[in-house]
Amino acid sequence: MQFSRKTTIHDICIYADYKSDESYTPKKVSVRCGNHFNDLSEVEQIEMNEPSGWICVKLKDPNDKPIRTFMVQIAILVNHQNGRDTHLRMIKVHSPIQDVSLAKKPLFTSVECAQYATIR
């Protein structure tokens, strides 16, 4: 996945179902991040044993903060039963929630400010 600007990524969730897909189900997955294709470095590697449902992979940098990146690659290293093809039913990329609304109102708590809080 390539993003047009540097994006903060909190985690990636993968939906896999061994009972439906059997040999098409991934067993070992590598998540790589970087600025461009030649720059990718492995951030996380997970091993799944007959998964059924959502598997979430937290992406953290060495300072334990969410990763900021232009590109994410999900590489399937090994499938169950040595399968050749793979099925990923769904992938979700989550970013931290940031409140950047323009309609933020300051909180006035003094009596002088509170008397002008309403319009007659």
N, C-alpha and C. Protein backbone atom coordinates (compact mmCIF):
# COMPACT_ATOMS: atom_id res chain seq x y z
N MET A 1 0.84 -1.16 0.00
CA MET A 1 0.00 0.00 0.00
C MET A 1 0.89 1.23 0.00
N GLN A 2 0.58 2.15 -0.85
CA GLN A 2 1.37 3.37 -0.94
C GLN A 2 0.46 4.55 -0.64
N PHE A 3 0.97 5.47 0.19
CA PHE A 3 0.20 6.64 0.59
C PHE A 3 0.80 7.88 -0.07
N SER A 4 -0.05 8.86 -0.36
CA SER A 4 0.43 10.07 -1.05
C SER A 4 1.22 10.98 -0.13
N ARG A 5 1.01 10.86 1.18
CA ARG A 5 1.80 11.63 2.15
C ARG A 5 2.17 10.72 3.30
N LYS A 6 3.11 11.15 4.11
CA LYS A 6 3.56 10.32 5.24
C LYS A 6 2.40 10.12 6.20
N THR A 7 2.08 8.86 6.47
CA THR A 7 0.89 8.51 7.24
C THR A 7 1.29 7.78 8.51
N THR A 8 0.61 8.11 9.60
CA THR A 8 0.83 7.42 10.86
C THR A 8 -0.07 6.19 10.89
N ILE A 9 0.54 5.03 11.17
CA ILE A 9 -0.20 3.78 11.21
C ILE A 9 -0.07 3.17 12.59
N HIS A 10 -1.21 2.91 13.22
CA HIS A 10 -1.25 2.33 14.56
C HIS A 10 -1.17 0.81 14.49
N ASP A 11 -2.00 0.19 13.65
CA ASP A 11 -1.95 -1.26 13.49
C ASP A 11 -2.58 -1.67 12.16
N ILE A 12 -2.31 -2.93 11.78
CA ILE A 12 -2.88 -3.52 10.59
C ILE A 12 -3.59 -4.79 11.04
N CYS A 13 -4.85 -4.96 10.59
CA CYS A 13 -5.62 -6.14 10.95
C CYS A 13 -5.86 -6.96 9.68
N ILE A 14 -5.66 -8.26 9.80
CA ILE A 14 -5.82 -9.19 8.68
C ILE A 14 -6.89 -10.20 9.06
N TYR A 15 -7.84 -10.44 8.14
CA TYR A 15 -8.87 -11.45 8.39
C TYR A 15 -8.52 -12.70 7.60
N ALA A 16 -8.34 -13.81 8.31
CA ALA A 16 -8.04 -15.09 7.68
C ALA A 16 -8.87 -16.17 8.35
N ASP A 17 -9.25 -17.19 7.58
CA ASP A 17 -10.09 -18.26 8.10
C ASP A 17 -9.56 -19.60 7.59
N TYR A 18 -8.96 -20.36 8.50
CA TYR A 18 -8.36 -21.64 8.12
C TYR A 18 -9.42 -22.66 7.71
N LYS A 19 -10.56 -22.66 8.36
CA LYS A 19 -11.59 -23.66 8.07
C LYS A 19 -12.14 -23.51 6.65
N SER A 20 -12.21 -22.30 6.15
CA SER A 20 -12.72 -22.06 4.80
C SER A 20 -11.65 -22.21 3.73
N ASP A 21 -10.42 -21.83 4.04
CA ASP A 21 -9.38 -21.73 3.01
C ASP A 21 -8.31 -22.81 3.07
N GLU A 22 -8.12 -23.46 4.18
CA GLU A 22 -7.13 -24.52 4.41
C GLU A 22 -5.74 -24.15 3.87
N SER A 23 -5.30 -24.74 2.76
CA SER A 23 -3.92 -24.52 2.30
C SER A 23 -3.69 -23.11 1.77
N TYR A 24 -4.75 -22.33 1.55
CA TYR A 24 -4.62 -20.97 1.08
C TYR A 24 -4.41 -19.98 2.24
N THR A 25 -4.48 -20.46 3.47
CA THR A 25 -4.37 -19.59 4.64
C THR A 25 -2.90 -19.30 4.95
N PRO A 26 -2.54 -18.03 5.15
CA PRO A 26 -1.15 -17.71 5.48
C PRO A 26 -0.77 -18.21 6.87
N LYS A 27 0.48 -18.65 7.00
CA LYS A 27 0.99 -19.12 8.29
C LYS A 27 2.00 -18.13 8.86
N LYS A 28 2.86 -17.59 8.01
CA LYS A 28 3.87 -16.62 8.46
C LYS A 28 3.76 -15.37 7.59
N VAL A 29 3.57 -14.21 8.24
CA VAL A 29 3.36 -12.94 7.55
C VAL A 29 4.39 -11.93 8.02
N SER A 30 4.95 -11.19 7.07
CA SER A 30 5.91 -10.14 7.38
C SER A 30 5.32 -8.80 6.98
N VAL A 31 5.40 -7.79 7.87
CA VAL A 31 4.94 -6.44 7.58
C VAL A 31 6.17 -5.55 7.46
N ARG A 32 6.30 -4.89 6.32
CA ARG A 32 7.47 -4.04 6.05
C ARG A 32 7.01 -2.62 5.77
N CYS A 33 7.78 -1.64 6.23
CA CYS A 33 7.44 -0.22 6.04
C CYS A 33 8.67 0.53 5.55
N GLY A 34 8.41 1.63 4.84
CA GLY A 34 9.51 2.46 4.37
C GLY A 34 9.00 3.66 3.59
N ASN A 35 9.94 4.42 3.03
CA ASN A 35 9.59 5.61 2.25
C ASN A 35 9.28 5.27 0.79
N HIS A 36 9.93 4.24 0.25
CA HIS A 36 9.67 3.79 -1.12
C HIS A 36 10.00 2.31 -1.19
N PHE A 37 9.80 1.71 -2.36
CA PHE A 37 9.92 0.26 -2.49
C PHE A 37 11.31 -0.26 -2.16
N ASN A 38 12.36 0.49 -2.50
CA ASN A 38 13.74 0.04 -2.26
C ASN A 38 14.19 0.26 -0.82
N ASP A 39 13.38 0.88 -0.01
CA ASP A 39 13.75 1.30 1.33
C ASP A 39 13.05 0.47 2.42
N LEU A 40 12.23 -0.50 2.05
CA LEU A 40 11.40 -1.22 3.01
C LEU A 40 12.23 -2.01 4.01
N SER A 41 11.83 -1.93 5.28
CA SER A 41 12.48 -2.72 6.32
C SER A 41 11.39 -3.43 7.13
N GLU A 42 11.70 -4.63 7.59
CA GLU A 42 10.72 -5.42 8.31
C GLU A 42 10.46 -4.84 9.69
N VAL A 43 9.19 -4.58 9.97
CA VAL A 43 8.78 -4.00 11.25
C VAL A 43 8.28 -5.10 12.18
N GLU A 44 7.53 -6.03 11.62
CA GLU A 44 6.91 -7.08 12.43
C GLU A 44 6.77 -8.34 11.60
N GLN A 45 6.98 -9.48 12.26
CA GLN A 45 6.75 -10.78 11.62
C GLN A 45 5.92 -11.61 12.57
N ILE A 46 4.80 -12.13 12.07
CA ILE A 46 3.92 -12.92 12.94
C ILE A 46 3.73 -14.31 12.35
N GLU A 47 3.50 -15.26 13.24
CA GLU A 47 3.20 -16.62 12.83
C GLU A 47 1.80 -16.95 13.33
N MET A 48 0.95 -17.42 12.42
CA MET A 48 -0.44 -17.74 12.75
C MET A 48 -0.64 -19.24 12.63
N ASN A 49 -1.27 -19.83 13.65
CA ASN A 49 -1.53 -21.26 13.62
C ASN A 49 -3.04 -21.48 13.48
N GLU A 50 -3.47 -21.86 12.28
CA GLU A 50 -4.88 -22.08 11.95
C GLU A 50 -5.76 -20.92 12.42
N PRO A 51 -5.55 -19.71 11.87
CA PRO A 51 -6.30 -18.53 12.31
C PRO A 51 -7.77 -18.60 11.90
N SER A 52 -8.60 -17.98 12.71
CA SER A 52 -10.01 -17.86 12.39
C SER A 52 -10.49 -16.52 12.91
N GLY A 53 -10.55 -15.53 12.04
CA GLY A 53 -10.98 -14.20 12.44
C GLY A 53 -9.90 -13.15 12.22
N TRP A 54 -10.03 -12.06 12.96
CA TRP A 54 -9.13 -10.92 12.81
C TRP A 54 -7.85 -11.13 13.59
N ILE A 55 -6.71 -10.88 12.95
CA ILE A 55 -5.40 -10.89 13.60
C ILE A 55 -4.86 -9.47 13.47
N CYS A 56 -4.64 -8.80 14.61
CA CYS A 56 -4.15 -7.42 14.59
C CYS A 56 -2.66 -7.39 14.88
N VAL A 57 -1.94 -6.62 14.08
CA VAL A 57 -0.49 -6.47 14.23
C VAL A 57 -0.22 -5.02 14.58
N LYS A 58 0.27 -4.76 15.79
CA LYS A 58 0.63 -3.40 16.22
C LYS A 58 1.95 -3.02 15.57
N LEU A 59 1.99 -1.83 15.00
CA LEU A 59 3.21 -1.33 14.36
C LEU A 59 3.78 -0.20 15.20
N LYS A 60 4.94 -0.42 15.78
CA LYS A 60 5.59 0.57 16.64
C LYS A 60 7.02 0.78 16.17
N ASP A 61 7.51 2.00 16.31
CA ASP A 61 8.91 2.28 16.03
C ASP A 61 9.75 1.95 17.27
N PRO A 62 11.06 2.08 17.22
CA PRO A 62 11.89 1.76 18.40
C PRO A 62 11.57 2.60 19.64
N ASN A 63 10.95 3.78 19.46
CA ASN A 63 10.58 4.63 20.60
C ASN A 63 9.18 4.32 21.11
N ASP A 64 8.58 3.22 20.65
CA ASP A 64 7.25 2.76 21.06
C ASP A 64 6.14 3.74 20.65
N LYS A 65 6.32 4.40 19.51
CA LYS A 65 5.30 5.29 18.93
C LYS A 65 4.79 4.65 17.64
N PRO A 66 3.58 5.01 17.20
CA PRO A 66 3.08 4.48 15.92
C PRO A 66 4.00 4.89 14.77
N ILE A 67 4.09 4.03 13.77
CA ILE A 67 5.00 4.25 12.64
C ILE A 67 4.43 5.29 11.68
N ARG A 68 5.32 6.15 11.16
CA ARG A 68 4.97 7.10 10.10
C ARG A 68 5.68 6.64 8.84
N THR A 69 4.90 6.41 7.78
CA THR A 69 5.49 5.81 6.58
C THR A 69 4.73 6.22 5.32
N PHE A 70 5.40 6.07 4.17
CA PHE A 70 4.78 6.28 2.88
C PHE A 70 4.29 4.97 2.26
N MET A 71 4.90 3.85 2.66
CA MET A 71 4.58 2.58 2.02
C MET A 71 4.57 1.44 3.04
N VAL A 72 3.60 0.54 2.89
CA VAL A 72 3.49 -0.66 3.72
C VAL A 72 3.39 -1.86 2.80
N GLN A 73 4.15 -2.89 3.10
CA GLN A 73 4.09 -4.12 2.33
C GLN A 73 3.76 -5.27 3.27
N ILE A 74 2.77 -6.08 2.90
CA ILE A 74 2.43 -7.28 3.67
C ILE A 74 2.88 -8.46 2.82
N ALA A 75 3.88 -9.19 3.30
CA ALA A 75 4.44 -10.31 2.55
C ALA A 75 4.04 -11.62 3.23
N ILE A 76 3.48 -12.54 2.45
CA ILE A 76 3.13 -13.87 2.95
C ILE A 76 4.35 -14.75 2.72
N LEU A 77 4.98 -15.18 3.80
CA LEU A 77 6.21 -15.97 3.69
C LEU A 77 5.92 -17.46 3.55
N VAL A 78 4.94 -17.96 4.33
CA VAL A 78 4.62 -19.38 4.32
C VAL A 78 3.11 -19.54 4.45
N ASN A 79 2.54 -20.50 3.71
CA ASN A 79 1.13 -20.86 3.84
C ASN A 79 0.99 -22.16 4.61
N HIS A 80 -0.19 -22.42 5.15
CA HIS A 80 -0.47 -23.70 5.78
C HIS A 80 -0.41 -24.81 4.72
N GLN A 81 0.00 -25.98 5.10
CA GLN A 81 0.09 -27.16 4.22
C GLN A 81 0.93 -26.88 2.98
N ASN A 82 1.89 -25.98 3.08
CA ASN A 82 2.77 -25.60 1.97
C ASN A 82 2.01 -25.17 0.71
N GLY A 83 0.91 -24.46 0.89
CA GLY A 83 0.13 -23.97 -0.25
C GLY A 83 0.90 -22.94 -1.05
N ARG A 84 0.54 -22.80 -2.33
CA ARG A 84 1.25 -21.86 -3.21
C ARG A 84 0.54 -20.51 -3.31
N ASP A 85 -0.77 -20.51 -3.35
CA ASP A 85 -1.54 -19.27 -3.41
C ASP A 85 -2.04 -18.94 -2.00
N THR A 86 -2.56 -17.72 -1.85
CA THR A 86 -3.02 -17.32 -0.51
C THR A 86 -4.32 -16.55 -0.60
N HIS A 87 -5.10 -16.62 0.47
CA HIS A 87 -6.34 -15.85 0.59
C HIS A 87 -6.25 -14.97 1.83
N LEU A 88 -6.35 -13.68 1.63
CA LEU A 88 -6.55 -12.73 2.72
C LEU A 88 -7.94 -12.16 2.49
N ARG A 89 -8.86 -12.47 3.35
CA ARG A 89 -10.25 -12.09 3.13
C ARG A 89 -10.45 -10.58 3.25
N MET A 90 -9.73 -9.94 4.16
CA MET A 90 -9.86 -8.49 4.33
C MET A 90 -8.63 -7.96 5.07
N ILE A 91 -8.26 -6.73 4.76
CA ILE A 91 -7.15 -6.05 5.45
C ILE A 91 -7.65 -4.68 5.89
N LYS A 92 -7.39 -4.32 7.14
CA LYS A 92 -7.73 -3.00 7.65
C LYS A 92 -6.46 -2.32 8.15
N VAL A 93 -6.29 -1.06 7.80
CA VAL A 93 -5.16 -0.26 8.28
C VAL A 93 -5.75 0.82 9.18
N HIS A 94 -5.32 0.83 10.44
CA HIS A 94 -5.85 1.80 11.41
C HIS A 94 -4.80 2.87 11.71
N SER A 95 -5.28 4.09 11.77
CA SER A 95 -4.45 5.23 12.12
C SER A 95 -4.96 5.81 13.44
N PRO A 96 -4.10 6.42 14.25
CA PRO A 96 -4.58 7.02 15.50
C PRO A 96 -5.59 8.13 15.22
N ILE A 97 -6.52 8.29 16.12
CA ILE A 97 -7.53 9.34 15.99
C ILE A 97 -6.92 10.68 16.41
N GLN A 98 -7.08 11.67 15.56
CA GLN A 98 -6.58 13.01 15.86
C GLN A 98 -7.73 13.98 15.74
N ASP A 99 -7.96 14.75 16.78
CA ASP A 99 -9.04 15.73 16.77
C ASP A 99 -8.50 17.04 16.21
N VAL A 100 -8.84 17.32 14.96
CA VAL A 100 -8.37 18.54 14.30
C VAL A 100 -9.54 19.40 13.85
N SER A 101 -10.63 19.33 14.57
CA SER A 101 -11.81 20.09 14.16
C SER A 101 -11.57 21.59 14.30
N LEU A 102 -12.13 22.36 13.39
CA LEU A 102 -11.98 23.81 13.41
C LEU A 102 -12.97 24.46 14.36
N ALA A 103 -13.97 23.70 14.78
CA ALA A 103 -15.02 24.27 15.61
C ALA A 103 -14.75 24.10 17.11
N LYS A 104 -13.52 23.97 17.51
CA LYS A 104 -13.22 23.86 18.93
C LYS A 104 -13.52 25.18 19.62
N LYS A 105 -14.23 25.09 20.71
CA LYS A 105 -14.54 26.31 21.47
C LYS A 105 -13.69 26.32 22.73
N PRO A 106 -13.15 27.45 23.08
CA PRO A 106 -12.38 27.52 24.32
C PRO A 106 -13.31 27.35 25.52
N LEU A 107 -12.76 26.83 26.59
CA LEU A 107 -13.53 26.61 27.80
C LEU A 107 -13.30 27.80 28.74
N PHE A 108 -14.34 28.64 28.88
CA PHE A 108 -14.25 29.80 29.75
C PHE A 108 -14.90 29.45 31.08
N THR A 109 -14.14 29.55 32.15
CA THR A 109 -14.67 29.17 33.45
C THR A 109 -14.77 30.34 34.43
N SER A 110 -14.21 31.46 34.08
CA SER A 110 -14.28 32.58 35.02
C SER A 110 -15.66 33.22 34.97
N VAL A 111 -16.04 33.93 36.03
CA VAL A 111 -17.35 34.58 36.12
C VAL A 111 -17.46 35.68 35.06
N GLU A 112 -16.37 36.40 34.81
CA GLU A 112 -16.40 37.47 33.83
C GLU A 112 -16.72 36.95 32.43
N CYS A 113 -16.17 35.80 32.08
CA CYS A 113 -16.43 35.22 30.76
C CYS A 113 -17.78 34.52 30.72
N ALA A 114 -18.19 33.92 31.80
CA ALA A 114 -19.45 33.17 31.84
C ALA A 114 -20.65 34.08 31.66
N GLN A 115 -20.54 35.35 32.07
CA GLN A 115 -21.70 36.25 31.93
C GLN A 115 -21.99 36.58 30.47
N TYR A 116 -21.01 36.38 29.57
CA TYR A 116 -21.22 36.63 28.15
C TYR A 116 -21.38 35.32 27.35
N ALA A 117 -21.62 34.21 28.04
CA ALA A 117 -21.71 32.90 27.38
C ALA A 117 -22.99 32.73 26.60
N THR A 118 -24.05 33.43 26.94
CA THR A 118 -25.32 33.29 26.23
C THR A 118 -25.74 34.63 25.65
N ILE A 119 -26.56 34.54 24.61
CA ILE A 119 -27.08 35.76 23.98
C ILE A 119 -28.55 35.89 24.38
N ARG A 120 -28.93 37.11 24.76
CA ARG A 120 -30.33 37.34 25.18
C ARG A 120 -31.18 37.66 24.01
